[in-house]
Amino acid sequence: MKRAVSISIGSSKRNKAVQVELLGETVSIERIGTDGDMEKAAQMYRELDGQVDAFGVGGADLGVLVDNKWYPLYTVQPMVRFIKKTPVVDGAGLKNSLEYHLASFINSKIGSYLKDKKAFITVGIDRWGMTKSFVDNGYECIFGDMMFSLGLPFTIRTISALKFLAGIFMPIAGRFPFEWLYPTGEKQEERIPKWGKYYHWATVIAGDCHYIKRHMPERLDGKVIATNTTTSTDVEIFRNAGVKYLITSTPVIDGRSFGTNMMEAALVAVAGKGRKLSVAELNELIAKIGLEPQLQELN
């Protein structure tokens, strides 16, 4: 049996371990949260290095890939400094492969439901495949990168402006403490309604689940949420807010969808190459497995 472990600086309340069948191989996938403690995560990686088939980096990114340009997040990278043997991924591969098919999946499944193709994407720089997916499928997009990452009331409306922002901002932001950019540990459970007019403007609200929940208004009647890493509690939050459809970019397994880092680690484990997989290799595996987003009707 293969084993893939995602060590996350997110809340330990979201821990989960299951076994899945991929290409005839049983893979144990396990998510372990450290409640914001990067050094604890680093020590866990050291203890498990060489004992498991693949690692995922959860609750943080080692960097972001924007139109094939890699921007390191320097304050996160020390978390994996002790890994010498086991391949480690942060989900960037699936964000630029599987998530690129998200908008076309939505169009094929519920296109007739959407009166307008308008997407509010919480942070487009971090999920470039998702960003490209909505843009290439003709959606009018508002990107909330300045709002969700920096708390500044400025929107971005074109992919060219988003690339320009990445080129200017990411070399600097990559040296910020990660908690300045993204909620970690217990902060993931906080809810501060904000930017409501953009949530209400959109027909599809897309992006990281923690970002979406953190500032979502009380009611999102009839909206479509496209996200990932959802627990059963997250699903109930969206259902109670009136969300019509929930699409997760990875399948729901035993009541939850795992993060792209976890699922990419599972694919690395089953591939058995002892290294990260290229986007082309990931796409080949995705096609063989038949991996695709999953649609849930909530209301």
Foldseek 3Di string as FASTA:
>chain_A
DAEEEEEELAAQVLWDWDWDAAPNDIYIFTYGHDQNDLQVLLVVLLVCAVVHAEYEYHHDAQFFAAPNDTQGLVQNVVSPVNHDFHAYHHLNLCLQALLLCVLVVCCVPCVVLDPAQEEEEAACRRRVSNVNNSVVVPHFYWYNQCCQFPVDPDIDGDSVVNVVCCVPPRNPNSDDNVCSGGPGGPSLVAAAADPAVSLQPHQEYEYELSSCRRHYDQANANHEYEYFFDALVSLVSCLNNRHFKYKYSWDQDPRHGHGSRRVQRRVSRVVSPSYHDHSVVVNVSCVVRVTGIDMDGRD
